[in-house]
Amino acid sequence: MSRVLVIGYGNPLRRDDGVGPAVAARVAADPRMRGAVVLAEHQLAPELAADMAGADRVILIDAADGVPAGEVGVRVLGRGPMEEPASTIGDVDAGGPPLTHHVSPASLAGLARELYGVAPALVVVSVGAASFEMGEGLTPSVDAAVPAAMEAVIAAALEVADA
């Protein structure tokens, strides 16, 4: 499991946007994830490319807008090192301007490829959000989805560990 990186990201002060860090905290405490690196971040940042380059699989956890609240989704964006340019992986865009601090999952994978010659398999676990309003705590429907999101992350991690 030492080559699995889990990054839960979002702002816990914006209600359901904090689901990524909330799931990451639960994943980090699970004994099945021993040896994995689990991070909770406010946003994806270019600095994470170095961490990604050292992993066989990266699992990102984030809130999703436009999806029914509490619905858990899993998307595989890349299947291995040096496959296809990050800007063409799945239906994820290439991100914003090249020098912004926040980057998309595909842009981060592309940065890892560009800087380190490696772009690991990338899985995104998303949870439909009910509210991004200012405030602490997840809404009830999103809070109820945390265990399912945690299990989706662990299943994706164990898939690599068994390979």
N, C-alpha and C. Protein backbone atom coordinates (compact mmCIF):
# COMPACT_ATOMS: atom_id res chain seq x y z
N MET A 1 0.83 -1.21 0.00
CA MET A 1 0.00 0.00 0.00
C MET A 1 0.87 1.26 0.00
N SER A 2 2.17 1.14 0.11
CA SER A 2 3.02 2.33 0.24
C SER A 2 3.07 3.17 -1.03
N ARG A 3 2.57 2.66 -2.14
CA ARG A 3 2.61 3.43 -3.39
C ARG A 3 1.24 4.00 -3.74
N VAL A 4 0.37 4.13 -2.73
CA VAL A 4 -0.96 4.72 -2.93
C VAL A 4 -0.99 6.07 -2.23
N LEU A 5 -1.43 7.09 -2.95
CA LEU A 5 -1.57 8.43 -2.41
C LEU A 5 -3.05 8.81 -2.47
N VAL A 6 -3.60 9.21 -1.35
CA VAL A 6 -4.99 9.66 -1.27
C VAL A 6 -4.97 11.13 -0.90
N ILE A 7 -5.69 11.94 -1.67
CA ILE A 7 -5.78 13.37 -1.38
C ILE A 7 -7.26 13.76 -1.33
N GLY A 8 -7.72 14.11 -0.14
CA GLY A 8 -9.06 14.64 0.02
C GLY A 8 -8.94 16.15 0.04
N TYR A 9 -9.65 16.83 -0.85
CA TYR A 9 -9.50 18.28 -0.89
C TYR A 9 -10.84 19.00 -0.90
N GLY A 10 -10.79 20.22 -0.36
CA GLY A 10 -11.97 21.06 -0.27
C GLY A 10 -11.87 21.93 0.98
N ASN A 11 -12.80 22.87 1.08
CA ASN A 11 -12.78 23.82 2.18
C ASN A 11 -13.83 23.45 3.22
N PRO A 12 -13.41 23.00 4.40
CA PRO A 12 -14.36 22.62 5.44
C PRO A 12 -15.21 23.78 5.97
N LEU A 13 -14.85 25.02 5.62
CA LEU A 13 -15.65 26.17 6.03
C LEU A 13 -16.71 26.53 5.00
N ARG A 14 -16.87 25.68 3.96
CA ARG A 14 -17.89 25.88 2.92
C ARG A 14 -18.79 24.64 2.86
N ARG A 15 -19.29 24.24 4.02
CA ARG A 15 -20.22 23.11 4.18
C ARG A 15 -19.74 21.86 3.44
N ASP A 16 -20.46 21.42 2.41
CA ASP A 16 -20.15 20.14 1.77
C ASP A 16 -18.85 20.14 0.98
N ASP A 17 -18.28 21.32 0.74
CA ASP A 17 -16.98 21.36 0.08
C ASP A 17 -15.93 20.66 0.94
N GLY A 18 -16.20 20.50 2.22
CA GLY A 18 -15.27 19.84 3.14
C GLY A 18 -15.36 18.33 3.14
N VAL A 19 -16.14 17.74 2.24
CA VAL A 19 -16.29 16.28 2.25
C VAL A 19 -14.96 15.58 1.91
N GLY A 20 -14.15 16.15 1.05
CA GLY A 20 -12.86 15.51 0.71
C GLY A 20 -11.98 15.32 1.93
N PRO A 21 -11.71 16.38 2.68
CA PRO A 21 -10.91 16.21 3.90
C PRO A 21 -11.59 15.30 4.94
N ALA A 22 -12.93 15.34 5.02
CA ALA A 22 -13.64 14.49 5.99
C ALA A 22 -13.45 13.01 5.64
N VAL A 23 -13.57 12.68 4.37
CA VAL A 23 -13.37 11.29 3.95
C VAL A 23 -11.91 10.90 4.14
N ALA A 24 -10.99 11.79 3.80
CA ALA A 24 -9.57 11.50 3.96
C ALA A 24 -9.23 11.17 5.41
N ALA A 25 -9.82 11.90 6.35
CA ALA A 25 -9.56 11.62 7.77
C ALA A 25 -10.03 10.22 8.15
N ARG A 26 -11.18 9.82 7.65
CA ARG A 26 -11.68 8.47 7.94
C ARG A 26 -10.81 7.41 7.29
N VAL A 27 -10.38 7.66 6.06
CA VAL A 27 -9.53 6.72 5.33
C VAL A 27 -8.20 6.54 6.07
N ALA A 28 -7.62 7.64 6.53
CA ALA A 28 -6.33 7.59 7.23
C ALA A 28 -6.39 6.75 8.49
N ALA A 29 -7.55 6.71 9.13
CA ALA A 29 -7.70 5.95 10.38
C ALA A 29 -8.03 4.48 10.15
N ASP A 30 -8.30 4.09 8.92
CA ASP A 30 -8.69 2.71 8.64
C ASP A 30 -7.45 1.81 8.55
N PRO A 31 -7.40 0.71 9.29
CA PRO A 31 -6.21 -0.16 9.26
C PRO A 31 -5.93 -0.79 7.90
N ARG A 32 -6.93 -0.87 7.04
CA ARG A 32 -6.69 -1.42 5.69
C ARG A 32 -5.82 -0.49 4.85
N MET A 33 -5.68 0.75 5.28
CA MET A 33 -4.91 1.73 4.52
C MET A 33 -3.51 1.93 5.07
N ARG A 34 -3.09 1.02 5.94
CA ARG A 34 -1.74 1.12 6.51
C ARG A 34 -0.71 1.17 5.38
N GLY A 35 0.16 2.14 5.43
CA GLY A 35 1.21 2.29 4.43
C GLY A 35 0.88 3.28 3.33
N ALA A 36 -0.39 3.60 3.17
CA ALA A 36 -0.77 4.60 2.16
C ALA A 36 -0.49 5.99 2.72
N VAL A 37 -0.24 6.91 1.84
CA VAL A 37 -0.08 8.31 2.22
C VAL A 37 -1.43 8.98 2.01
N VAL A 38 -1.98 9.58 3.06
CA VAL A 38 -3.28 10.23 2.99
C VAL A 38 -3.11 11.69 3.39
N LEU A 39 -3.55 12.58 2.51
CA LEU A 39 -3.43 14.02 2.74
C LEU A 39 -4.81 14.68 2.70
N ALA A 40 -5.00 15.71 3.50
CA ALA A 40 -6.18 16.56 3.43
C ALA A 40 -5.69 17.96 3.05
N GLU A 41 -6.21 18.48 1.94
CA GLU A 41 -5.77 19.76 1.41
C GLU A 41 -6.98 20.66 1.14
N HIS A 42 -6.74 21.97 1.10
CA HIS A 42 -7.82 22.89 0.74
C HIS A 42 -8.08 22.86 -0.77
N GLN A 43 -7.04 22.63 -1.55
CA GLN A 43 -7.17 22.58 -3.00
C GLN A 43 -6.01 21.80 -3.59
N LEU A 44 -6.16 21.39 -4.83
CA LEU A 44 -5.05 20.76 -5.53
C LEU A 44 -4.07 21.86 -5.92
N ALA A 45 -2.83 21.67 -5.60
CA ALA A 45 -1.81 22.67 -5.87
C ALA A 45 -0.65 22.01 -6.62
N PRO A 46 0.08 22.78 -7.42
CA PRO A 46 1.19 22.23 -8.20
C PRO A 46 2.21 21.46 -7.36
N GLU A 47 2.36 21.84 -6.10
CA GLU A 47 3.34 21.19 -5.24
C GLU A 47 3.04 19.70 -5.04
N LEU A 48 1.80 19.30 -5.25
CA LEU A 48 1.41 17.90 -5.06
C LEU A 48 1.92 17.00 -6.19
N ALA A 49 2.41 17.58 -7.28
CA ALA A 49 2.92 16.78 -8.39
C ALA A 49 4.08 15.89 -7.95
N ALA A 50 4.92 16.37 -7.05
CA ALA A 50 6.04 15.55 -6.56
C ALA A 50 5.53 14.33 -5.79
N ASP A 51 4.49 14.53 -4.96
CA ASP A 51 3.90 13.41 -4.24
C ASP A 51 3.28 12.41 -5.21
N MET A 52 2.60 12.92 -6.24
CA MET A 52 1.96 12.06 -7.23
C MET A 52 2.97 11.22 -7.97
N ALA A 53 4.11 11.80 -8.27
CA ALA A 53 5.13 11.08 -9.05
C ALA A 53 5.67 9.86 -8.32
N GLY A 54 5.57 9.84 -7.00
CA GLY A 54 6.06 8.70 -6.23
C GLY A 54 5.01 7.64 -5.98
N ALA A 55 3.83 7.76 -6.59
CA ALA A 55 2.74 6.82 -6.33
C ALA A 55 2.41 5.99 -7.56
N ASP A 56 1.90 4.79 -7.33
CA ASP A 56 1.38 3.96 -8.41
C ASP A 56 -0.05 4.36 -8.74
N ARG A 57 -0.78 4.78 -7.71
CA ARG A 57 -2.17 5.21 -7.90
C ARG A 57 -2.43 6.40 -6.98
N VAL A 58 -3.12 7.38 -7.53
CA VAL A 58 -3.53 8.55 -6.77
C VAL A 58 -5.06 8.55 -6.75
N ILE A 59 -5.62 8.69 -5.55
CA ILE A 59 -7.06 8.74 -5.39
C ILE A 59 -7.41 10.11 -4.83
N LEU A 60 -8.21 10.86 -5.58
CA LEU A 60 -8.62 12.20 -5.19
C LEU A 60 -10.07 12.14 -4.71
N ILE A 61 -10.38 12.88 -3.66
CA ILE A 61 -11.73 12.92 -3.11
C ILE A 61 -12.18 14.37 -3.08
N ASP A 62 -13.37 14.63 -3.67
CA ASP A 62 -13.84 16.01 -3.76
C ASP A 62 -15.36 16.04 -3.80
N ALA A 63 -15.91 17.20 -3.48
CA ALA A 63 -17.35 17.44 -3.61
C ALA A 63 -17.67 17.70 -5.07
N ALA A 64 -18.87 17.30 -5.48
CA ALA A 64 -19.29 17.51 -6.86
C ALA A 64 -20.53 18.38 -6.90
N ASP A 65 -20.52 19.35 -7.78
CA ASP A 65 -21.66 20.22 -7.99
C ASP A 65 -22.48 19.65 -9.15
N GLY A 66 -23.78 19.80 -9.11
CA GLY A 66 -24.61 19.33 -10.21
C GLY A 66 -24.89 17.84 -10.17
N VAL A 67 -24.58 17.21 -9.06
CA VAL A 67 -24.82 15.78 -8.84
C VAL A 67 -25.75 15.68 -7.64
N PRO A 68 -26.68 14.72 -7.62
CA PRO A 68 -27.56 14.62 -6.45
C PRO A 68 -26.77 14.54 -5.14
N ALA A 69 -27.23 15.29 -4.15
CA ALA A 69 -26.54 15.35 -2.86
C ALA A 69 -26.38 13.96 -2.27
N GLY A 70 -25.15 13.63 -1.90
CA GLY A 70 -24.85 12.35 -1.28
C GLY A 70 -24.53 11.25 -2.26
N GLU A 71 -24.67 11.49 -3.55
CA GLU A 71 -24.34 10.46 -4.55
C GLU A 71 -22.82 10.34 -4.67
N VAL A 72 -22.33 9.12 -4.55
CA VAL A 72 -20.89 8.86 -4.64
C VAL A 72 -20.57 8.35 -6.05
N GLY A 73 -19.59 8.97 -6.68
CA GLY A 73 -19.16 8.56 -8.01
C GLY A 73 -17.68 8.23 -8.01
N VAL A 74 -17.28 7.34 -8.89
CA VAL A 74 -15.88 6.96 -9.05
C VAL A 74 -15.54 7.02 -10.53
N ARG A 75 -14.48 7.77 -10.85
CA ARG A 75 -14.01 7.85 -12.23
C ARG A 75 -12.52 7.53 -12.27
N VAL A 76 -12.13 6.70 -13.20
CA VAL A 76 -10.72 6.41 -13.43
C VAL A 76 -10.27 7.30 -14.57
N LEU A 77 -9.29 8.16 -14.29
CA LEU A 77 -8.84 9.13 -15.30
C LEU A 77 -7.60 8.70 -16.04
N GLY A 78 -6.83 7.79 -15.50
CA GLY A 78 -5.63 7.32 -16.15
C GLY A 78 -5.34 5.93 -15.68
N ARG A 79 -4.75 5.12 -16.52
CA ARG A 79 -4.55 3.72 -16.16
C ARG A 79 -3.09 3.35 -15.95
N GLY A 80 -2.19 4.28 -16.04
CA GLY A 80 -0.80 3.92 -15.80
C GLY A 80 0.15 5.01 -16.22
N PRO A 81 1.43 4.81 -15.92
CA PRO A 81 2.44 5.82 -16.23
C PRO A 81 2.60 6.05 -17.73
N MET A 82 2.79 7.27 -18.08
CA MET A 82 3.16 7.68 -19.44
C MET A 82 2.17 7.22 -20.51
N GLU A 83 0.89 7.26 -20.21
CA GLU A 83 -0.09 6.80 -21.18
C GLU A 83 -0.45 7.88 -22.18
N GLU A 84 -1.31 8.79 -21.79
CA GLU A 84 -1.76 9.82 -22.69
C GLU A 84 -1.61 11.17 -22.02
N PRO A 85 -1.52 12.23 -22.80
CA PRO A 85 -1.38 13.55 -22.18
C PRO A 85 -2.54 13.82 -21.23
N ALA A 86 -2.25 14.46 -20.12
CA ALA A 86 -3.26 14.72 -19.10
C ALA A 86 -4.44 15.51 -19.67
N SER A 87 -4.20 16.37 -20.63
CA SER A 87 -5.28 17.18 -21.16
C SER A 87 -6.29 16.36 -21.95
N THR A 88 -5.99 15.10 -22.25
CA THR A 88 -6.93 14.26 -22.99
C THR A 88 -7.45 13.11 -22.16
N ILE A 89 -7.13 13.05 -20.88
CA ILE A 89 -7.60 11.96 -20.03
C ILE A 89 -9.07 12.16 -19.74
N GLY A 90 -9.89 11.20 -20.10
CA GLY A 90 -11.30 11.22 -19.79
C GLY A 90 -11.97 12.50 -20.24
N ASP A 91 -12.89 12.99 -19.41
CA ASP A 91 -13.62 14.21 -19.76
C ASP A 91 -13.21 15.37 -18.86
N VAL A 92 -12.03 15.27 -18.27
CA VAL A 92 -11.57 16.31 -17.37
C VAL A 92 -10.82 17.35 -18.18
N ASP A 93 -11.09 18.62 -17.90
CA ASP A 93 -10.42 19.68 -18.64
C ASP A 93 -8.97 19.82 -18.21
N ALA A 94 -8.24 20.62 -18.93
CA ALA A 94 -6.82 20.81 -18.65
C ALA A 94 -6.56 21.82 -17.56
N GLY A 95 -7.60 22.40 -16.98
CA GLY A 95 -7.41 23.33 -15.88
C GLY A 95 -7.35 24.77 -16.35
N GLY A 96 -6.98 25.64 -15.42
CA GLY A 96 -6.96 27.06 -15.69
C GLY A 96 -5.66 27.52 -16.30
N PRO A 97 -5.39 28.80 -16.19
CA PRO A 97 -4.14 29.36 -16.71
C PRO A 97 -2.94 28.63 -16.10
N PRO A 98 -1.85 28.54 -16.81
CA PRO A 98 -0.73 27.71 -16.37
C PRO A 98 -0.07 28.13 -15.06
N LEU A 99 -0.28 29.35 -14.61
CA LEU A 99 0.42 29.78 -13.40
C LEU A 99 -0.51 30.01 -12.21
N THR A 100 -1.72 29.49 -12.25
CA THR A 100 -2.59 29.62 -11.09
C THR A 100 -2.13 28.64 -10.02
N HIS A 101 -2.57 28.85 -8.78
CA HIS A 101 -2.18 27.94 -7.71
C HIS A 101 -3.05 26.70 -7.70
N HIS A 102 -4.34 26.84 -8.01
CA HIS A 102 -5.25 25.70 -8.04
C HIS A 102 -5.19 25.04 -9.42
N VAL A 103 -5.13 23.72 -9.44
CA VAL A 103 -5.08 22.99 -10.71
C VAL A 103 -6.12 21.87 -10.70
N SER A 104 -6.51 21.43 -11.89
CA SER A 104 -7.45 20.33 -12.01
C SER A 104 -6.71 19.00 -11.82
N PRO A 105 -7.44 17.91 -11.59
CA PRO A 105 -6.77 16.60 -11.49
C PRO A 105 -5.93 16.27 -12.72
N ALA A 106 -6.47 16.52 -13.91
CA ALA A 106 -5.73 16.20 -15.13
C ALA A 106 -4.49 17.07 -15.27
N SER A 107 -4.60 18.35 -14.91
CA SER A 107 -3.43 19.24 -14.99
C SER A 107 -2.35 18.80 -14.01
N LEU A 108 -2.75 18.37 -12.83
CA LEU A 108 -1.78 17.91 -11.85
C LEU A 108 -1.07 16.66 -12.33
N ALA A 109 -1.82 15.74 -12.94
CA ALA A 109 -1.19 14.54 -13.51
C ALA A 109 -0.24 14.93 -14.64
N GLY A 110 -0.65 15.89 -15.46
CA GLY A 110 0.22 16.36 -16.53
C GLY A 110 1.49 17.00 -16.01
N LEU A 111 1.38 17.74 -14.92
CA LEU A 111 2.55 18.36 -14.31
C LEU A 111 3.51 17.30 -13.77
N ALA A 112 2.97 16.26 -13.14
CA ALA A 112 3.82 15.16 -12.65
C ALA A 112 4.54 14.50 -13.82
N ARG A 113 3.83 14.30 -14.92
CA ARG A 113 4.44 13.70 -16.11
C ARG A 113 5.55 14.59 -16.66
N GLU A 114 5.25 15.90 -16.76
CA GLU A 114 6.21 16.85 -17.33
C GLU A 114 7.47 16.98 -16.47
N LEU A 115 7.30 17.09 -15.16
CA LEU A 115 8.43 17.32 -14.26
C LEU A 115 9.19 16.05 -13.88
N TYR A 116 8.47 14.93 -13.74
CA TYR A 116 9.08 13.72 -13.20
C TYR A 116 9.02 12.53 -14.14
N GLY A 117 8.38 12.68 -15.30
CA GLY A 117 8.30 11.59 -16.26
C GLY A 117 7.34 10.48 -15.87
N VAL A 118 6.49 10.73 -14.88
CA VAL A 118 5.56 9.71 -14.40
C VAL A 118 4.20 10.35 -14.14
N ALA A 119 3.15 9.71 -14.64
CA ALA A 119 1.79 10.13 -14.31
C ALA A 119 1.06 8.87 -13.84
N PRO A 120 0.85 8.74 -12.55
CA PRO A 120 0.24 7.52 -12.03
C PRO A 120 -1.23 7.40 -12.42
N ALA A 121 -1.77 6.20 -12.27
CA ALA A 121 -3.20 6.01 -12.46
C ALA A 121 -3.92 6.95 -11.51
N LEU A 122 -4.99 7.55 -11.97
CA LEU A 122 -5.68 8.58 -11.21
C LEU A 122 -7.16 8.21 -11.09
N VAL A 123 -7.65 8.17 -9.85
CA VAL A 123 -9.05 7.86 -9.58
C VAL A 123 -9.64 9.04 -8.83
N VAL A 124 -10.83 9.48 -9.24
CA VAL A 124 -11.51 10.56 -8.55
C VAL A 124 -12.78 9.99 -7.92
N VAL A 125 -12.88 10.13 -6.61
CA VAL A 125 -14.09 9.76 -5.88
C VAL A 125 -14.79 11.07 -5.55
N SER A 126 -16.01 11.22 -6.04
CA SER A 126 -16.75 12.47 -5.81
C SER A 126 -18.02 12.18 -5.02
N VAL A 127 -18.44 13.19 -4.28
CA VAL A 127 -19.68 13.11 -3.51
C VAL A 127 -20.52 14.33 -3.88
N GLY A 128 -21.73 14.09 -4.35
CA GLY A 128 -22.64 15.19 -4.69
C GLY A 128 -22.89 16.06 -3.48
N ALA A 129 -22.78 17.37 -3.67
CA ALA A 129 -22.92 18.34 -2.58
C ALA A 129 -24.31 18.98 -2.59
N ALA A 130 -24.81 19.28 -1.41
CA ALA A 130 -26.08 20.00 -1.27
C ALA A 130 -25.85 21.49 -1.05
N SER A 131 -24.71 21.85 -0.44
CA SER A 131 -24.47 23.25 -0.10
C SER A 131 -22.98 23.58 -0.10
N PHE A 132 -22.65 24.71 -0.73
CA PHE A 132 -21.30 25.25 -0.67
C PHE A 132 -21.31 26.58 0.08
N GLU A 133 -22.38 26.84 0.81
CA GLU A 133 -22.50 28.07 1.58
C GLU A 133 -21.47 28.11 2.70
N MET A 134 -21.19 29.31 3.19
CA MET A 134 -20.28 29.45 4.33
C MET A 134 -20.89 28.74 5.54
N GLY A 135 -20.05 28.03 6.26
CA GLY A 135 -20.50 27.33 7.46
C GLY A 135 -19.73 26.04 7.63
N GLU A 136 -19.70 25.58 8.85
CA GLU A 136 -18.98 24.34 9.15
C GLU A 136 -19.94 23.16 9.19
N GLY A 137 -19.42 22.00 8.90
CA GLY A 137 -20.20 20.78 8.98
C GLY A 137 -20.85 20.42 7.66
N LEU A 138 -20.89 19.13 7.40
CA LEU A 138 -21.51 18.62 6.19
C LEU A 138 -23.02 18.58 6.36
N THR A 139 -23.75 18.74 5.27
CA THR A 139 -25.19 18.58 5.31
C THR A 139 -25.51 17.11 5.59
N PRO A 140 -26.70 16.81 6.10
CA PRO A 140 -27.03 15.42 6.46
C PRO A 140 -26.86 14.41 5.33
N SER A 141 -27.27 14.75 4.11
CA SER A 141 -27.16 13.79 3.01
C SER A 141 -25.70 13.51 2.64
N VAL A 142 -24.86 14.51 2.72
CA VAL A 142 -23.45 14.32 2.40
C VAL A 142 -22.74 13.60 3.54
N ASP A 143 -23.07 13.96 4.77
CA ASP A 143 -22.49 13.28 5.92
C ASP A 143 -22.82 11.78 5.87
N ALA A 144 -24.04 11.45 5.47
CA ALA A 144 -24.45 10.05 5.38
C ALA A 144 -23.70 9.30 4.29
N ALA A 145 -23.17 10.02 3.30
CA ALA A 145 -22.44 9.40 2.19
C ALA A 145 -20.97 9.17 2.50
N VAL A 146 -20.46 9.73 3.59
CA VAL A 146 -19.03 9.61 3.92
C VAL A 146 -18.59 8.14 4.01
N PRO A 147 -19.30 7.25 4.69
CA PRO A 147 -18.85 5.85 4.74
C PRO A 147 -18.77 5.20 3.35
N ALA A 148 -19.73 5.47 2.47
CA ALA A 148 -19.69 4.90 1.12
C ALA A 148 -18.51 5.45 0.33
N ALA A 149 -18.22 6.74 0.48
CA ALA A 149 -17.08 7.34 -0.21
C ALA A 149 -15.78 6.74 0.33
N MET A 150 -15.70 6.55 1.63
CA MET A 150 -14.52 5.94 2.24
C MET A 150 -14.30 4.53 1.66
N GLU A 151 -15.36 3.75 1.56
CA GLU A 151 -15.24 2.40 1.02
C GLU A 151 -14.82 2.41 -0.45
N ALA A 152 -15.29 3.41 -1.22
CA ALA A 152 -14.89 3.52 -2.62
C ALA A 152 -13.39 3.82 -2.72
N VAL A 153 -12.89 4.68 -1.84
CA VAL A 153 -11.46 5.00 -1.83
C VAL A 153 -10.66 3.75 -1.46
N ILE A 154 -11.08 3.05 -0.45
CA ILE A 154 -10.34 1.87 0.00
C ILE A 154 -10.37 0.79 -1.08
N ALA A 155 -11.50 0.60 -1.74
CA ALA A 155 -11.58 -0.38 -2.83
C ALA A 155 -10.60 -0.03 -3.95
N ALA A 156 -10.52 1.24 -4.30
CA ALA A 156 -9.59 1.67 -5.35
C ALA A 156 -8.14 1.45 -4.92
N ALA A 157 -7.85 1.68 -3.65
CA ALA A 157 -6.49 1.49 -3.13
C ALA A 157 -6.13 0.00 -3.09
N LEU A 158 -7.05 -0.81 -2.62
CA LEU A 158 -6.78 -2.26 -2.52
C LEU A 158 -6.63 -2.90 -3.88
N GLU A 159 -7.27 -2.34 -4.90
CA GLU A 159 -7.12 -2.84 -6.26
C GLU A 159 -5.66 -2.75 -6.70
N VAL A 160 -4.98 -1.69 -6.33
CA VAL A 160 -3.55 -1.54 -6.66
C VAL A 160 -2.72 -2.46 -5.81
N ALA A 161 -3.04 -2.57 -4.52
CA ALA A 161 -2.26 -3.40 -3.61
C ALA A 161 -2.31 -4.87 -4.02
N ASP A 162 -3.42 -5.31 -4.60
CA ASP A 162 -3.56 -6.70 -5.03
C ASP A 162 -2.89 -6.96 -6.36
N ALA A 163 -2.61 -5.90 -7.12
CA ALA A 163 -2.04 -6.09 -8.47
C ALA A 163 -0.58 -6.47 -8.41
